[in-house]
Amino acid sequence: MYLRNILFGLLILSFYSCEEIMHIEFKGDSKKNLVVEGEITTDTMTHKVILSYTGDYFKKQPRDPATGATVTVTDGATVFKLNEIQAGIYATNPDVYGIPGKSYTLHVVLPDGREYTGTDQLAYCADFDSIVQTDNYKHFGPPGSNLFGYDVLFFGQEPASSADNYMFLLYLNDTLYTDTIFEAAFVSDEYFNGSYINELPLFYIPEADFKGDSMKVTLEMRSISTTYYDYLVGLMLETVWRGSPWDGPPANVPSNISNEARGYFRASDIKRKTRYFHSTPRRESSQ
């Protein structure tokens, strides 16, 4: 009985154990590194480069734009000057386009004299045959879910002459549907180089996003360099692809911009295919 009372007393004391309050202060980002988001493609259009500065991780206000910079893009022979059309947004003339096979270099000079460069190869993009819709079927989901919708299927020959990387974007009725980098699809041809790709499901359109009896669907296929592919993988590993016990330690996402800047300047060849999808009756099982 005496021993039991002692153990009970120790248990009570454990609920009144000492508590040490720790005050930890995190310093903000005093470097104000440059962040670059820009591209040039084979489309004849106004191409944009967005410049901003890194900010404090613990303060979620919008990043400060990098204004007053001198920005150019060159292929080694021709220099395109970009004008600041909004704070931190720099644009080419509307008649500019990239040429496959060339490398393009971004050059930025900030008002304080800091300089940055970034180069990307504009690789050829293989054309593809078509896109096809599936029937409106119930996708995988928890019991009672109502996840009906359509898959966008890809058909096309992947060339065997080189190692290629691709990004895919989806437009619905001429509006970009995959409007964040996390919704885009990207892939390396490492495991299907030289193969014919048949019925590859690239995107899913929920029934709730299918407007009317028919919808204009456009698949955009872009060539991307191996370094940009690695950038996308690094970005996903630090954001969306985290949460498991086997995650690696956090690290900066790789960049092609010099002088410790963040972000990426990319170059892409673009191919597109458009098809009108039509609403179909629901069915429970997938193809």
C-alpha atoms as a PDB file:
ATOM      1  CA  MET A   1       0.000   0.000   0.000  1.00  0.00           C
ATOM      2  CA  TYR A   2       2.870   2.340   0.917  1.00  0.00           C
ATOM      3  CA  LEU A   3       4.584   1.661  -2.425  1.00  0.00           C
ATOM      4  CA  ARG A   4       1.353   2.292  -4.285  1.00  0.00           C
ATOM      5  CA  ASN A   5       0.932   5.651  -2.580  1.00  0.00           C
ATOM      6  CA  ILE A   6       4.461   6.659  -3.549  1.00  0.00           C
ATOM      7  CA  LEU A   7       3.857   5.751  -7.182  1.00  0.00           C
ATOM      8  CA  PHE A   8       0.580   7.651  -7.154  1.00  0.00           C
ATOM      9  CA  GLY A   9       2.308  10.685  -5.704  1.00  0.00           C
ATOM     10  CA  LEU A  10       5.007  10.582  -8.392  1.00  0.00           C
ATOM     11  CA  LEU A  11       2.334  10.375 -11.042  1.00  0.00           C
ATOM     12  CA  ILE A  12       0.608  13.473  -9.639  1.00  0.00           C
ATOM     13  CA  LEU A  13       3.894  15.367  -9.542  1.00  0.00           C
ATOM     14  CA  SER A  14       4.531  14.545 -13.191  1.00  0.00           C
ATOM     15  CA  PHE A  15       1.539  16.663 -14.126  1.00  0.00           C
ATOM     16  CA  TYR A  16       3.169  19.644 -12.436  1.00  0.00           C
ATOM     17  CA  SER A  17       6.553  19.313 -14.129  1.00  0.00           C
ATOM     18  CA  CYS A  18       8.519  22.427 -15.008  1.00  0.00           C
ATOM     19  CA  GLU A  19       7.817  24.271 -18.219  1.00  0.00           C
ATOM     20  CA  GLU A  20      10.477  26.365 -19.897  1.00  0.00           C
ATOM     21  CA  ILE A  21       9.279  29.085 -22.253  1.00  0.00           C
ATOM     22  CA  MET A  22      11.644  29.726 -25.150  1.00  0.00           C
ATOM     23  CA  HIS A  23      11.595  32.920 -27.193  1.00  0.00           C
ATOM     24  CA  ILE A  24      13.127  32.358 -30.625  1.00  0.00           C
ATOM     25  CA  GLU A  25      13.639  35.243 -32.989  1.00  0.00           C
ATOM     26  CA  PHE A  26      14.052  34.610 -36.699  1.00  0.00           C
ATOM     27  CA  LYS A  27      15.851  37.214 -38.729  1.00  0.00           C
ATOM     28  CA  GLY A  28      14.246  38.301 -41.969  1.00  0.00           C
ATOM     29  CA  ASP A  29      15.868  38.116 -45.369  1.00  0.00           C
ATOM     30  CA  SER A  30      18.194  41.103 -45.438  1.00  0.00           C
ATOM     31  CA  LYS A  31      19.869  40.157 -48.724  1.00  0.00           C
ATOM     32  CA  LYS A  32      16.844  40.899 -50.904  1.00  0.00           C
ATOM     33  CA  ASN A  33      17.942  38.464 -53.591  1.00  0.00           C
ATOM     34  CA  LEU A  34      16.477  38.841 -57.058  1.00  0.00           C
ATOM     35  CA  VAL A  35      13.665  36.498 -58.149  1.00  0.00           C
ATOM     36  CA  VAL A  36      13.248  35.912 -61.904  1.00  0.00           C
ATOM     37  CA  GLU A  37      10.245  34.494 -63.733  1.00  0.00           C
ATOM     38  CA  GLY A  38      10.486  34.780 -67.501  1.00  0.00           C
ATOM     39  CA  GLU A  39      10.493  32.981 -70.810  1.00  0.00           C
ATOM     40  CA  ILE A  40      10.825  33.219 -74.555  1.00  0.00           C
ATOM     41  CA  THR A  41       8.937  30.855 -76.873  1.00  0.00           C
ATOM     42  CA  THR A  42       8.454  30.237 -80.583  1.00  0.00           C
ATOM     43  CA  ASP A  43       5.136  32.135 -80.469  1.00  0.00           C
ATOM     44  CA  THR A  44       5.270  35.594 -82.034  1.00  0.00           C
ATOM     45  CA  MET A  45       4.072  37.723 -79.131  1.00  0.00           C
ATOM     46  CA  THR A  46       5.031  40.006 -76.260  1.00  0.00           C
ATOM     47  CA  HIS A  47       7.278  37.950 -73.989  1.00  0.00           C
ATOM     48  CA  LYS A  48       7.515  38.945 -70.326  1.00  0.00           C
ATOM     49  CA  VAL A  49      10.072  38.753 -67.542  1.00  0.00           C
ATOM     50  CA  ILE A  50       8.880  39.378 -63.974  1.00  0.00           C
ATOM     51  CA  LEU A  51      11.466  40.617 -61.462  1.00  0.00           C
ATOM     52  CA  SER A  52      10.965  40.826 -57.705  1.00  0.00           C
ATOM     53  CA  TYR A  53      12.909  40.486 -54.461  1.00  0.00           C
ATOM     54  CA  THR A  54      12.889  37.748 -51.855  1.00  0.00           C
ATOM     55  CA  GLY A  55      11.137  38.578 -48.608  1.00  0.00           C
ATOM     56  CA  ASP A  56      10.738  37.414 -45.028  1.00  0.00           C
ATOM     57  CA  TYR A  57       9.369  33.853 -44.891  1.00  0.00           C
ATOM     58  CA  PHE A  58       7.278  34.662 -41.814  1.00  0.00           C
ATOM     59  CA  LYS A  59       5.636  37.711 -43.385  1.00  0.00           C
ATOM     60  CA  LYS A  60       3.220  36.843 -46.161  1.00  0.00           C
ATOM     61  CA  GLN A  61       2.942  40.226 -47.814  1.00  0.00           C
ATOM     62  CA  PRO A  62       3.473  40.386 -51.620  1.00  0.00           C
ATOM     63  CA  ARG A  63       7.102  40.490 -52.744  1.00  0.00           C
ATOM     64  CA  ASP A  64       8.561  43.866 -53.644  1.00  0.00           C
ATOM     65  CA  PRO A  65       8.882  44.345 -57.434  1.00  0.00           C
ATOM     66  CA  ALA A  66      12.350  45.021 -58.848  1.00  0.00           C
ATOM     67  CA  THR A  67      11.769  48.279 -60.675  1.00  0.00           C
ATOM     68  CA  GLY A  68      14.058  50.410 -62.820  1.00  0.00           C
ATOM     69  CA  ALA A  69      16.148  47.520 -64.124  1.00  0.00           C
ATOM     70  CA  THR A  70      17.740  47.266 -67.559  1.00  0.00           C
ATOM     71  CA  VAL A  71      16.623  43.973 -69.107  1.00  0.00           C
ATOM     72  CA  THR A  72      17.657  42.357 -72.409  1.00  0.00           C
ATOM     73  CA  VAL A  73      17.421  38.937 -74.065  1.00  0.00           C
ATOM     74  CA  THR A  74      19.856  37.851 -76.772  1.00  0.00           C
ATOM     75  CA  ASP A  75      20.464  34.816 -78.961  1.00  0.00           C
ATOM     76  CA  GLY A  76      24.070  35.869 -79.564  1.00  0.00           C
ATOM     77  CA  ALA A  77      23.252  37.783 -82.738  1.00  0.00           C
ATOM     78  CA  THR A  78      20.103  39.764 -81.979  1.00  0.00           C
ATOM     79  CA  VAL A  79      19.427  41.694 -78.771  1.00  0.00           C
ATOM     80  CA  PHE A  80      15.825  42.249 -77.633  1.00  0.00           C
ATOM     81  CA  LYS A  81      15.344  45.113 -75.181  1.00  0.00           C
ATOM     82  CA  LEU A  82      12.506  44.759 -72.662  1.00  0.00           C
ATOM     83  CA  ASN A  83      10.543  47.744 -71.391  1.00  0.00           C
ATOM     84  CA  GLU A  84       8.994  47.991 -67.923  1.00  0.00           C
ATOM     85  CA  ILE A  85       5.236  48.015 -68.555  1.00  0.00           C
ATOM     86  CA  GLN A  86       4.240  47.618 -64.885  1.00  0.00           C
ATOM     87  CA  ALA A  87       6.217  47.656 -61.666  1.00  0.00           C
ATOM     88  CA  GLY A  88       8.657  44.750 -61.996  1.00  0.00           C
ATOM     89  CA  ILE A  89       7.147  43.442 -65.271  1.00  0.00           C
ATOM     90  CA  TYR A  90       9.328  43.804 -68.370  1.00  0.00           C
ATOM     91  CA  ALA A  91       8.129  43.023 -71.902  1.00  0.00           C
ATOM     92  CA  THR A  92       9.520  42.646 -75.419  1.00  0.00           C
ATOM     93  CA  ASN A  93       7.957  44.096 -78.534  1.00  0.00           C
ATOM     94  CA  PRO A  94       4.998  42.017 -79.819  1.00  0.00           C
ATOM     95  CA  ASP A  95       6.892  40.788 -82.922  1.00  0.00           C
ATOM     96  CA  VAL A  96       9.534  38.801 -80.967  1.00  0.00           C
ATOM     97  CA  TYR A  97       9.800  35.008 -81.250  1.00  0.00           C
ATOM     98  CA  GLY A  98      12.359  32.345 -80.436  1.00  0.00           C
ATOM     99  CA  ILE A  99      14.010  29.982 -82.913  1.00  0.00           C
ATOM    100  CA  PRO A 100      14.527  26.275 -82.061  1.00  0.00           C
ATOM    101  CA  GLY A 101      18.155  25.254 -81.786  1.00  0.00           C
ATOM    102  CA  LYS A 102      19.324  28.581 -80.397  1.00  0.00           C
ATOM    103  CA  SER A 103      20.306  29.493 -76.839  1.00  0.00           C
ATOM    104  CA  TYR A 104      18.817  32.603 -75.252  1.00  0.00           C
ATOM    105  CA  THR A 105      20.443  34.651 -72.495  1.00  0.00           C
ATOM    106  CA  LEU A 106      18.657  37.006 -70.141  1.00  0.00           C
ATOM    107  CA  HIS A 107      20.714  39.936 -68.835  1.00  0.00           C
ATOM    108  CA  VAL A 108      19.477  42.070 -65.918  1.00  0.00           C
ATOM    109  CA  VAL A 109      21.151  45.135 -64.444  1.00  0.00           C
ATOM    110  CA  LEU A 110      19.513  46.517 -61.285  1.00  0.00           C
ATOM    111  CA  PRO A 111      19.619  50.224 -60.407  1.00  0.00           C
ATOM    112  CA  ASP A 112      22.227  49.488 -57.692  1.00  0.00           C
ATOM    113  CA  GLY A 113      24.568  47.971 -60.286  1.00  0.00           C
ATOM    114  CA  ARG A 114      24.061  44.290 -59.514  1.00  0.00           C
ATOM    115  CA  GLU A 115      24.042  42.147 -62.680  1.00  0.00           C
ATOM    116  CA  TYR A 116      22.436  38.804 -63.397  1.00  0.00           C
ATOM    117  CA  THR A 117      22.409  36.455 -66.382  1.00  0.00           C
ATOM    118  CA  GLY A 118      20.561  33.250 -67.211  1.00  0.00           C
ATOM    119  CA  THR A 119      20.778  31.066 -70.323  1.00  0.00           C
ATOM    120  CA  ASP A 120      18.446  28.357 -71.602  1.00  0.00           C
ATOM    121  CA  GLN A 121      18.472  26.208 -74.728  1.00  0.00           C
ATOM    122  CA  LEU A 122      15.397  26.411 -76.977  1.00  0.00           C
ATOM    123  CA  ALA A 123      15.044  22.778 -78.006  1.00  0.00           C
ATOM    124  CA  TYR A 124      12.840  21.481 -80.817  1.00  0.00           C
ATOM    125  CA  CYS A 125       9.460  20.162 -79.668  1.00  0.00           C
ATOM    126  CA  ALA A 126       8.117  17.021 -81.308  1.00  0.00           C
ATOM    127  CA  ASP A 127       4.671  17.429 -82.827  1.00  0.00           C
ATOM    128  CA  PHE A 128       1.899  15.083 -81.709  1.00  0.00           C
ATOM    129  CA  ASP A 129      -1.078  13.526 -83.481  1.00  0.00           C
ATOM    130  CA  SER A 130      -4.175  14.322 -81.464  1.00  0.00           C
ATOM    131  CA  ILE A 131      -6.030  14.447 -78.170  1.00  0.00           C
ATOM    132  CA  VAL A 132      -9.125  12.394 -77.300  1.00  0.00           C
ATOM    133  CA  GLN A 133     -11.598  12.500 -74.431  1.00  0.00           C
ATOM    134  CA  THR A 134     -12.771   9.597 -72.306  1.00  0.00           C
ATOM    135  CA  ASP A 135     -16.393   9.072 -71.363  1.00  0.00           C
ATOM    136  CA  ASN A 136     -17.709  10.781 -68.239  1.00  0.00           C
ATOM    137  CA  TYR A 137     -16.780   8.193 -65.647  1.00  0.00           C
ATOM    138  CA  LYS A 138     -16.440   8.107 -61.866  1.00  0.00           C
ATOM    139  CA  HIS A 139     -12.841   8.621 -60.800  1.00  0.00           C
ATOM    140  CA  PHE A 140     -11.241   7.137 -57.723  1.00  0.00           C
ATOM    141  CA  GLY A 141     -12.379   8.762 -54.497  1.00  0.00           C
ATOM    142  CA  PRO A 142     -13.758   8.086 -51.009  1.00  0.00           C
ATOM    143  CA  PRO A 143     -17.128   6.331 -50.653  1.00  0.00           C
ATOM    144  CA  GLY A 144     -19.971   8.675 -51.484  1.00  0.00           C
ATOM    145  CA  SER A 145     -17.787  11.017 -53.501  1.00  0.00           C
ATOM    146  CA  ASN A 146     -19.068  12.432 -56.753  1.00  0.00           C
ATOM    147  CA  LEU A 147     -15.858  12.592 -58.765  1.00  0.00           C
ATOM    148  CA  PHE A 148     -17.173  12.226 -62.288  1.00  0.00           C
ATOM    149  CA  GLY A 149     -15.208  13.737 -65.143  1.00  0.00           C
ATOM    150  CA  TYR A 150     -13.180  13.340 -68.329  1.00  0.00           C
ATOM    151  CA  ASP A 151      -9.563  12.424 -69.032  1.00  0.00           C
ATOM    152  CA  VAL A 152      -7.578  14.146 -71.793  1.00  0.00           C
ATOM    153  CA  LEU A 153      -5.721  11.421 -73.706  1.00  0.00           C
ATOM    154  CA  PHE A 154      -2.520  12.108 -75.665  1.00  0.00           C
ATOM    155  CA  PHE A 155      -1.477  10.396 -78.924  1.00  0.00           C
ATOM    156  CA  GLY A 156       1.896  11.019 -80.548  1.00  0.00           C
ATOM    157  CA  GLN A 157       5.303   9.746 -81.624  1.00  0.00           C
ATOM    158  CA  GLU A 158       8.240  10.631 -79.379  1.00  0.00           C
ATOM    159  CA  PRO A 159      11.463  11.063 -81.408  1.00  0.00           C
ATOM    160  CA  ALA A 160      14.442   8.850 -80.609  1.00  0.00           C
ATOM    161  CA  SER A 161      17.127  11.206 -81.885  1.00  0.00           C
ATOM    162  CA  SER A 162      17.738  12.983 -78.571  1.00  0.00           C
ATOM    163  CA  ALA A 163      16.920  13.132 -74.863  1.00  0.00           C
ATOM    164  CA  ASP A 164      13.880  15.391 -74.543  1.00  0.00           C
ATOM    165  CA  ASN A 165      11.781  16.944 -71.803  1.00  0.00           C
ATOM    166  CA  TYR A 166       8.266  18.320 -72.101  1.00  0.00           C
ATOM    167  CA  MET A 167       5.742  20.449 -70.263  1.00  0.00           C
ATOM    168  CA  PHE A 168       1.985  20.264 -70.924  1.00  0.00           C
ATOM    169  CA  LEU A 169      -0.650  22.942 -70.313  1.00  0.00           C
ATOM    170  CA  LEU A 170      -4.416  22.743 -70.793  1.00  0.00           C
ATOM    171  CA  TYR A 171      -6.819  25.414 -72.095  1.00  0.00           C
ATOM    172  CA  LEU A 172     -10.614  25.241 -71.810  1.00  0.00           C
ATOM    173  CA  ASN A 173     -12.495  27.563 -74.158  1.00  0.00           C
ATOM    174  CA  ASP A 174      -9.232  29.443 -74.773  1.00  0.00           C
ATOM    175  CA  THR A 175      -8.663  30.085 -71.053  1.00  0.00           C
ATOM    176  CA  LEU A 176      -5.627  28.568 -69.350  1.00  0.00           C
ATOM    177  CA  TYR A 177      -6.984  25.869 -67.027  1.00  0.00           C
ATOM    178  CA  THR A 178      -3.654  24.767 -65.565  1.00  0.00           C
ATOM    179  CA  ASP A 179      -2.827  28.273 -64.399  1.00  0.00           C
ATOM    180  CA  THR A 180      -0.278  27.395 -61.703  1.00  0.00           C
ATOM    181  CA  ILE A 181       3.005  25.542 -62.084  1.00  0.00           C
ATOM    182  CA  PHE A 182       1.692  22.815 -59.750  1.00  0.00           C
ATOM    183  CA  GLU A 183      -1.174  22.016 -62.128  1.00  0.00           C
ATOM    184  CA  ALA A 184       0.995  21.710 -65.228  1.00  0.00           C
ATOM    185  CA  ALA A 185       2.380  18.323 -66.281  1.00  0.00           C
ATOM    186  CA  PHE A 186       6.045  17.781 -67.073  1.00  0.00           C
ATOM    187  CA  VAL A 187       7.949  14.682 -68.081  1.00  0.00           C
ATOM    188  CA  SER A 188      11.302  13.385 -69.300  1.00  0.00           C
ATOM    189  CA  ASP A 189      11.453  10.871 -72.191  1.00  0.00           C
ATOM    190  CA  GLU A 190      13.929   8.697 -70.286  1.00  0.00           C
ATOM    191  CA  TYR A 191      11.586   5.691 -70.200  1.00  0.00           C
ATOM    192  CA  PHE A 192       9.746   6.127 -73.520  1.00  0.00           C
ATOM    193  CA  ASN A 193      12.360   7.637 -75.848  1.00  0.00           C
ATOM    194  CA  GLY A 194      11.439   6.797 -79.460  1.00  0.00           C
ATOM    195  CA  SER A 195       8.097   5.192 -78.549  1.00  0.00           C
ATOM    196  CA  TYR A 196       4.627   5.883 -79.868  1.00  0.00           C
ATOM    197  CA  ILE A 197       2.532   7.234 -76.990  1.00  0.00           C
ATOM    198  CA  ASN A 198      -1.017   5.897 -77.124  1.00  0.00           C
ATOM    199  CA  GLU A 199      -3.888   7.053 -74.880  1.00  0.00           C
ATOM    200  CA  LEU A 200      -1.682   8.710 -72.276  1.00  0.00           C
ATOM    201  CA  PRO A 201      -3.982  10.452 -69.718  1.00  0.00           C
ATOM    202  CA  LEU A 202      -2.425  13.882 -69.139  1.00  0.00           C
ATOM    203  CA  PHE A 203      -5.222  15.875 -67.495  1.00  0.00           C
ATOM    204  CA  TYR A 204      -8.548  15.328 -65.785  1.00  0.00           C
ATOM    205  CA  ILE A 205     -11.493  17.718 -66.282  1.00  0.00           C
ATOM    206  CA  PRO A 206     -14.048  17.411 -63.451  1.00  0.00           C
ATOM    207  CA  GLU A 207     -17.660  17.290 -64.542  1.00  0.00           C
ATOM    208  CA  ALA A 208     -18.296  20.502 -62.582  1.00  0.00           C
ATOM    209  CA  ASP A 209     -15.790  22.355 -64.801  1.00  0.00           C
ATOM    210  CA  PHE A 210     -17.334  21.095 -68.044  1.00  0.00           C
ATOM    211  CA  LYS A 211     -19.545  23.946 -69.244  1.00  0.00           C
ATOM    212  CA  GLY A 212     -22.405  23.216 -71.604  1.00  0.00           C
ATOM    213  CA  ASP A 213     -22.826  20.307 -74.009  1.00  0.00           C
ATOM    214  CA  SER A 214     -19.434  20.885 -75.669  1.00  0.00           C
ATOM    215  CA  MET A 215     -16.183  22.590 -74.789  1.00  0.00           C
ATOM    216  CA  LYS A 216     -13.129  23.692 -76.763  1.00  0.00           C
ATOM    217  CA  VAL A 217     -10.119  21.859 -75.315  1.00  0.00           C
ATOM    218  CA  THR A 218      -6.553  22.754 -76.311  1.00  0.00           C
ATOM    219  CA  LEU A 219      -3.475  20.827 -75.225  1.00  0.00           C
ATOM    220  CA  GLU A 220      -0.218  22.778 -75.360  1.00  0.00           C
ATOM    221  CA  MET A 221       3.039  20.819 -75.517  1.00  0.00           C
ATOM    222  CA  ARG A 222       6.316  22.655 -74.810  1.00  0.00           C
ATOM    223  CA  SER A 223       9.920  21.587 -75.119  1.00  0.00           C
ATOM    224  CA  ILE A 224      11.881  22.317 -71.947  1.00  0.00           C
ATOM    225  CA  SER A 225      15.589  21.966 -71.252  1.00  0.00           C
ATOM    226  CA  THR A 226      16.996  19.383 -68.846  1.00  0.00           C
ATOM    227  CA  THR A 227      18.019  22.157 -66.460  1.00  0.00           C
ATOM    228  CA  TYR A 228      14.468  23.534 -66.380  1.00  0.00           C
ATOM    229  CA  TYR A 229      13.122  20.007 -65.832  1.00  0.00           C
ATOM    230  CA  ASP A 230      15.496  19.692 -62.852  1.00  0.00           C
ATOM    231  CA  TYR A 231      14.272  23.072 -61.603  1.00  0.00           C
ATOM    232  CA  LEU A 232      10.643  21.853 -61.704  1.00  0.00           C
ATOM    233  CA  VAL A 233      11.535  18.635 -59.870  1.00  0.00           C
ATOM    234  CA  GLY A 234      13.402  20.636 -57.213  1.00  0.00           C
ATOM    235  CA  LEU A 235      10.470  23.036 -56.846  1.00  0.00           C
ATOM    236  CA  MET A 236       8.006  20.190 -56.352  1.00  0.00           C
ATOM    237  CA  LEU A 237      10.290  18.394 -53.871  1.00  0.00           C
ATOM    238  CA  GLU A 238      10.355  21.517 -51.705  1.00  0.00           C
ATOM    239  CA  THR A 239       6.591  22.143 -51.886  1.00  0.00           C
ATOM    240  CA  VAL A 240       3.949  19.685 -53.117  1.00  0.00           C
ATOM    241  CA  TRP A 241       6.012  16.480 -52.878  1.00  0.00           C
ATOM    242  CA  ARG A 242       6.744  16.847 -49.154  1.00  0.00           C
ATOM    243  CA  GLY A 243       5.213  15.316 -46.059  1.00  0.00           C
ATOM    244  CA  SER A 244       6.593  11.772 -45.896  1.00  0.00           C
ATOM    245  CA  PRO A 245       9.112  10.457 -43.294  1.00  0.00           C
ATOM    246  CA  TRP A 246      11.638  10.003 -46.120  1.00  0.00           C
ATOM    247  CA  ASP A 247      11.783  13.651 -47.189  1.00  0.00           C
ATOM    248  CA  GLY A 248      15.266  15.055 -47.582  1.00  0.00           C
ATOM    249  CA  PRO A 249      16.383  18.201 -45.771  1.00  0.00           C
ATOM    250  CA  PRO A 250      15.068  21.490 -47.223  1.00  0.00           C
ATOM    251  CA  ALA A 251      17.287  23.038 -49.884  1.00  0.00           C
ATOM    252  CA  ASN A 252      17.227  25.921 -52.319  1.00  0.00           C
ATOM    253  CA  VAL A 253      15.632  25.097 -55.662  1.00  0.00           C
ATOM    254  CA  PRO A 254      18.238  25.058 -58.477  1.00  0.00           C
ATOM    255  CA  SER A 255      18.268  28.068 -60.787  1.00  0.00           C
ATOM    256  CA  ASN A 256      19.948  29.123 -64.027  1.00  0.00           C
ATOM    257  CA  ILE A 257      20.250  32.741 -62.860  1.00  0.00           C
ATOM    258  CA  SER A 258      23.672  33.915 -61.679  1.00  0.00           C
ATOM    259  CA  ASN A 259      24.665  35.863 -58.562  1.00  0.00           C
ATOM    260  CA  GLU A 260      22.534  33.815 -56.103  1.00  0.00           C
ATOM    261  CA  ALA A 261      19.249  34.873 -57.693  1.00  0.00           C
ATOM    262  CA  ARG A 262      16.142  32.681 -57.497  1.00  0.00           C
ATOM    263  CA  GLY A 263      13.772  31.543 -60.234  1.00  0.00           C
ATOM    264  CA  TYR A 264      14.397  30.606 -63.845  1.00  0.00           C
ATOM    265  CA  PHE A 265      14.534  32.064 -67.355  1.00  0.00           C
ATOM    266  CA  ARG A 266      13.265  29.408 -69.796  1.00  0.00           C
ATOM    267  CA  ALA A 267      12.954  28.906 -73.558  1.00  0.00           C
ATOM    268  CA  SER A 268      10.390  26.659 -75.267  1.00  0.00           C
ATOM    269  CA  ASP A 269       9.170  25.475 -78.645  1.00  0.00           C
ATOM    270  CA  ILE A 270       5.369  25.071 -78.614  1.00  0.00           C
ATOM    271  CA  LYS A 271       2.968  22.695 -80.350  1.00  0.00           C
ATOM    272  CA  ARG A 272      -0.823  22.652 -79.854  1.00  0.00           C
ATOM    273  CA  LYS A 273      -3.809  20.499 -80.714  1.00  0.00           C
ATOM    274  CA  THR A 274      -7.469  21.512 -80.265  1.00  0.00           C
ATOM    275  CA  ARG A 275     -10.575  19.358 -80.133  1.00  0.00           C
ATOM    276  CA  TYR A 276     -14.160  19.905 -79.055  1.00  0.00           C
ATOM    277  CA  PHE A 277     -15.112  17.615 -76.179  1.00  0.00           C
ATOM    278  CA  HIS A 278     -18.770  16.650 -75.757  1.00  0.00           C
ATOM    279  CA  SER A 279     -20.659  15.787 -72.599  1.00  0.00           C
ATOM    280  CA  THR A 280     -21.547  12.112 -72.202  1.00  0.00           C
ATOM    281  CA  PRO A 281     -23.717  10.203 -69.712  1.00  0.00           C
ATOM    282  CA  ARG A 282     -22.165   9.147 -66.439  1.00  0.00           C
ATOM    283  CA  ARG A 283     -20.862   5.658 -65.890  1.00  0.00           C
ATOM    284  CA  GLU A 284     -19.440   4.119 -62.745  1.00  0.00           C
ATOM    285  CA  SER A 285     -16.310   2.293 -63.925  1.00  0.00           C
ATOM    286  CA  SER A 286     -13.253   3.659 -65.736  1.00  0.00           C
ATOM    287  CA  GLN A 287     -11.945   2.442 -69.065  1.00  0.00           C
END
